[in-house]
Amino acid sequence: MITASLPFLSAIGAGNIFDELAPDYWLSDYLSFGITNRLRSQALHLLDIKPEQTVCDAMCGTGNNFDQILSRKGKVIGIEYADKMACLAANHPQASKVTILQEDFLQTSLPDHSVDKLICSFGLKSMDTADFPALSCQLKRLLVPGGTFAFAEIDINSSWMKGPALFYIRYLMPFLNRCITNNNPHRYLYQFASKKLDTSAVTAALRKNGLSVAIKRAAFGHGIIISGQSI
């Protein structure tokens, strides 16, 4: 089971946090001025999805990657643990073309070497460093030889606009969310955005299982993409 990496996730429960975020999750692309969508798009572009290839969208949330994968004629398998996130993914406008599995990605029921490509958007920061070896093992098990993967993450700490960006996420983004929906789930995003991802631990775990790894900055310097291939 995935271990929560942030104290408030452990205290409240990761599933509960993501269930609270789920109804307003669509707002993220707008409140981030398109940065989250651009980061996902750049990660998917790196995967170079071909028609009929099977693409696993790990920790898929409400299905924000589905349209872009389907536009490339890929076969989509979405994996999501949180109840409301999985429910919204199952009700995505193109859900009839997607296989949704509500389960923990680290314990997924998918068979060995059943995936050509794997995408994961904004999932690594919700995991504890101790989970990275298990994550690496799942990648190696699921990907066909030569299969590729990409993890997209917001990385404000290394951004050229770190100060203003964190101020916006901590104060203005929750305020705008309340104005639009009278709800405030985005108050949790500051903890995610301000957390620095241990990229050294991620890459070490991936390489240990024979996966090639590359890291690049993306989304105007506000994010990173960790990508690679099963050798």
Protein backbone atom coordinates (compact mmCIF):
# COMPACT_ATOMS: atom_id res chain seq x y z
CA MET A 1 0.00 0.00 0.00
CA ILE A 2 1.19 3.52 -0.80
CA THR A 3 2.51 5.29 2.28
CA ALA A 4 1.53 8.96 2.71
CA SER A 5 4.54 11.24 2.38
CA LEU A 6 3.15 14.33 4.10
CA PRO A 7 2.05 14.57 7.77
CA PHE A 8 -1.39 15.95 6.96
CA LEU A 9 -1.99 13.07 4.53
CA SER A 10 -1.15 10.54 7.24
CA ALA A 11 -3.32 12.31 9.81
CA ILE A 12 -6.40 12.82 7.66
CA GLY A 13 -5.96 9.97 5.23
CA ALA A 14 -4.73 10.28 1.65
CA GLY A 15 -7.94 8.80 0.27
CA ASN A 16 -10.04 11.35 2.18
CA ILE A 17 -7.95 14.28 0.91
CA PHE A 18 -8.24 13.20 -2.71
CA ASP A 19 -11.95 12.50 -2.30
CA GLU A 20 -12.37 16.08 -1.07
CA LEU A 21 -10.33 17.40 -3.98
CA ALA A 22 -12.19 15.35 -6.58
CA PRO A 23 -15.29 17.51 -7.28
CA ASP A 24 -13.23 20.66 -7.87
CA TYR A 25 -10.17 18.99 -9.39
CA TRP A 26 -11.13 20.28 -12.85
CA LEU A 27 -10.40 23.80 -11.60
CA SER A 28 -6.68 23.09 -11.25
CA ASP A 29 -5.96 23.56 -14.94
CA TYR A 30 -7.62 26.98 -14.88
CA LEU A 31 -6.33 28.18 -11.51
CA SER A 32 -2.80 27.15 -12.51
CA PHE A 33 -3.10 29.22 -15.71
CA GLY A 34 -2.75 26.05 -17.77
CA ILE A 35 0.57 24.98 -16.24
CA THR A 36 -0.69 21.60 -14.98
CA ASN A 37 -2.23 20.79 -18.37
CA ARG A 38 0.95 21.83 -20.19
CA LEU A 39 3.03 19.63 -17.89
CA ARG A 40 0.80 16.62 -18.59
CA SER A 41 0.92 17.33 -22.33
CA GLN A 42 4.71 17.51 -22.36
CA ALA A 43 4.98 14.24 -20.44
CA LEU A 44 2.62 12.50 -22.86
CA HIS A 45 4.55 13.90 -25.81
CA LEU A 46 7.73 12.30 -24.45
CA LEU A 47 5.99 8.91 -24.39
CA ASP A 48 5.43 9.04 -28.16
CA ILE A 49 2.27 6.94 -27.99
CA LYS A 50 1.49 4.93 -31.12
CA PRO A 51 -1.97 3.72 -32.24
CA GLU A 52 -3.25 0.64 -30.38
CA GLN A 53 -0.54 0.77 -27.73
CA THR A 54 -1.72 0.14 -24.16
CA VAL A 55 -1.17 3.13 -21.89
CA CYS A 56 -1.48 2.85 -18.12
CA ASP A 57 -2.51 6.11 -16.45
CA ALA A 58 -1.28 5.42 -12.91
CA MET A 59 -2.98 7.38 -10.10
CA CYS A 60 -5.16 8.79 -12.85
CA GLY A 61 -7.34 11.02 -10.65
CA THR A 62 -10.46 12.13 -12.49
CA GLY A 63 -9.05 11.22 -15.90
CA ASN A 64 -7.36 14.43 -17.05
CA ASN A 65 -4.97 12.47 -19.28
CA PHE A 66 -7.65 10.38 -21.01
CA ASP A 67 -8.49 12.75 -23.87
CA GLN A 68 -4.87 13.26 -24.88
CA ILE A 69 -4.09 9.54 -24.80
CA LEU A 70 -7.21 8.67 -26.80
CA SER A 71 -6.43 11.38 -29.34
CA ARG A 72 -3.23 9.44 -30.02
CA LYS A 73 -5.33 6.26 -30.53
CA GLY A 74 -3.89 4.61 -27.43
CA LYS A 75 -5.76 2.06 -25.30
CA VAL A 76 -6.17 3.52 -21.81
CA ILE A 77 -6.11 1.75 -18.45
CA GLY A 78 -6.66 4.16 -15.56
CA ILE A 79 -5.71 3.16 -12.00
CA GLU A 80 -7.03 5.21 -9.08
CA TYR A 81 -7.34 4.41 -5.38
CA ALA A 82 -9.52 7.24 -4.02
CA ASP A 83 -13.27 6.53 -4.25
CA LYS A 84 -14.54 9.86 -5.59
CA MET A 85 -11.62 10.33 -7.96
CA ALA A 86 -12.25 6.85 -9.41
CA CYS A 87 -15.99 7.56 -9.62
CA LEU A 88 -15.42 10.76 -11.60
CA ALA A 89 -12.93 8.96 -13.85
CA ALA A 90 -15.57 6.29 -14.50
CA ASN A 91 -17.98 9.06 -15.51
CA HIS A 92 -15.52 10.80 -17.80
CA PRO A 93 -17.12 11.69 -21.18
CA GLN A 94 -14.90 9.08 -22.86
CA ALA A 95 -15.09 6.50 -20.07
CA SER A 96 -16.60 3.92 -22.45
CA LYS A 97 -13.20 3.78 -24.18
CA VAL A 98 -11.23 3.45 -20.93
CA THR A 99 -10.68 0.60 -18.48
CA ILE A 100 -10.84 1.95 -14.90
CA LEU A 101 -9.34 -0.06 -12.04
CA GLN A 102 -9.98 1.19 -8.52
CA GLU A 103 -6.97 -0.16 -6.68
CA ASP A 104 -3.61 0.73 -5.19
CA PHE A 105 -1.11 1.03 -8.04
CA LEU A 106 1.58 -0.67 -5.96
CA GLN A 107 -0.72 -3.70 -5.70
CA THR A 108 -2.32 -3.51 -9.13
CA SER A 109 -3.89 -6.61 -10.64
CA LEU A 110 -2.54 -5.86 -14.12
CA PRO A 111 -0.53 -8.78 -15.53
CA ASP A 112 3.20 -8.77 -16.26
CA HIS A 113 4.40 -6.98 -19.41
CA SER A 114 0.89 -5.78 -20.28
CA VAL A 115 1.66 -2.07 -20.73
CA ASP A 116 3.49 -0.28 -23.57
CA LYS A 117 3.51 3.15 -21.93
CA LEU A 118 2.92 4.46 -18.41
CA ILE A 119 2.04 8.02 -17.42
CA CYS A 120 1.65 9.34 -13.88
CA SER A 121 0.72 12.97 -13.26
CA PHE A 122 1.26 14.49 -9.82
CA GLY A 123 1.45 11.17 -7.97
CA LEU A 124 5.06 10.95 -6.76
CA LYS A 125 4.77 13.66 -4.11
CA SER A 126 1.89 11.82 -2.45
CA MET A 127 4.18 8.82 -1.94
CA ASP A 128 6.80 8.23 0.71
CA THR A 129 10.41 7.71 -0.33
CA ALA A 130 10.14 4.19 1.08
CA ASP A 131 7.60 3.39 -1.67
CA PHE A 132 9.92 4.19 -4.56
CA PRO A 133 11.53 0.71 -4.74
CA ALA A 134 8.08 -0.89 -4.93
CA LEU A 135 7.07 1.64 -7.57
CA SER A 136 10.16 0.75 -9.57
CA CYS A 137 9.39 -2.96 -9.31
CA GLN A 138 5.85 -2.40 -10.59
CA LEU A 139 7.14 -0.39 -13.54
CA LYS A 140 9.62 -3.10 -14.48
CA ARG A 141 6.95 -5.79 -14.09
CA LEU A 142 4.21 -4.02 -16.07
CA LEU A 143 6.16 -2.52 -18.98
CA VAL A 144 6.94 -4.56 -22.07
CA PRO A 145 10.65 -4.64 -22.98
CA GLY A 146 11.39 -1.25 -24.47
CA GLY A 147 8.25 0.25 -22.91
CA THR A 148 8.49 3.85 -21.71
CA PHE A 149 7.23 5.84 -18.74
CA ALA A 150 6.88 9.45 -17.64
CA PHE A 151 6.15 11.03 -14.25
CA ALA A 152 5.06 14.67 -14.26
CA GLU A 153 5.38 16.74 -11.09
CA ILE A 154 5.04 20.38 -10.12
CA ASP A 155 8.45 21.60 -8.87
CA ILE A 156 7.95 25.13 -7.58
CA ASN A 157 11.04 24.97 -5.34
CA SER A 158 13.31 25.13 -8.38
CA SER A 159 11.12 27.52 -10.33
CA TRP A 160 12.35 30.98 -11.30
CA MET A 161 9.09 32.29 -9.78
CA LYS A 162 9.21 30.28 -6.55
CA GLY A 163 8.20 33.11 -4.18
CA PRO A 164 5.25 34.52 -6.14
CA ALA A 165 4.10 31.04 -7.17
CA LEU A 166 3.99 29.71 -3.61
CA PHE A 167 2.20 32.87 -2.41
CA TYR A 168 -0.41 32.41 -5.13
CA ILE A 169 -0.90 28.70 -4.34
CA ARG A 170 -1.05 29.27 -0.57
CA TYR A 171 -3.37 32.28 -0.45
CA LEU A 172 -4.93 33.28 -3.76
CA MET A 173 -5.73 29.86 -5.24
CA PRO A 174 -7.86 28.73 -2.25
CA PHE A 175 -9.59 32.14 -2.24
CA LEU A 176 -10.47 31.87 -5.93
CA ASN A 177 -11.65 28.29 -5.39
CA ARG A 178 -14.04 29.47 -2.64
CA CYS A 179 -15.35 32.26 -4.87
CA ILE A 180 -16.12 29.84 -7.70
CA THR A 181 -17.46 26.79 -5.85
CA ASN A 182 -17.93 27.87 -2.21
CA ASN A 183 -15.56 25.06 -1.31
CA ASN A 184 -11.86 25.05 -0.41
CA PRO A 185 -10.15 21.73 -1.17
CA HIS A 186 -7.25 23.52 -2.85
CA ARG A 187 -6.04 24.63 0.58
CA TYR A 188 -4.11 21.34 0.62
CA LEU A 189 -2.19 22.05 -2.57
CA TYR A 190 0.35 24.31 -0.87
CA GLN A 191 1.73 21.32 1.06
CA PHE A 192 2.12 19.39 -2.17
CA ALA A 193 3.54 22.28 -4.17
CA SER A 194 6.06 23.34 -1.51
CA LYS A 195 7.34 19.81 -0.92
CA LYS A 196 10.62 19.10 -2.71
CA LEU A 197 10.59 15.77 -4.50
CA ASP A 198 13.61 13.57 -3.74
CA THR A 199 14.55 12.99 -7.36
CA SER A 200 17.77 11.22 -6.35
CA ALA A 201 15.78 8.56 -4.47
CA VAL A 202 13.35 8.16 -7.37
CA THR A 203 16.04 7.79 -10.03
CA ALA A 204 18.16 5.45 -7.88
CA ALA A 205 15.18 3.14 -7.32
CA LEU A 206 14.29 3.12 -11.02
CA ARG A 207 17.83 2.45 -12.20
CA LYS A 208 18.25 -0.36 -9.70
CA ASN A 209 15.56 -2.29 -11.58
CA GLY A 210 17.15 -1.77 -14.98
CA LEU A 211 15.15 1.25 -16.06
CA SER A 212 16.85 4.09 -17.90
CA VAL A 213 16.00 7.51 -16.45
CA ALA A 214 16.14 11.12 -17.64
CA ILE A 215 14.95 14.29 -15.90
CA LYS A 216 13.96 17.49 -17.65
CA ARG A 217 12.36 20.75 -16.59
CA ALA A 218 9.00 21.53 -18.16
CA ALA A 219 5.98 23.85 -18.08
CA PHE A 220 7.99 27.08 -18.23
CA GLY A 221 10.30 25.83 -15.47
CA HIS A 222 7.50 25.16 -12.98
CA GLY A 223 7.63 21.37 -13.24
CA ILE A 224 9.79 18.34 -13.94
CA ILE A 225 9.31 15.17 -15.95
CA ILE A 226 11.08 11.96 -14.94
CA SER A 227 10.99 9.66 -17.92
CA GLY A 228 12.69 6.52 -19.12
CA GLN A 229 12.50 3.07 -20.61
CA SER A 230 12.44 -0.55 -19.55
CA ILE A 231 15.73 -1.91 -20.86
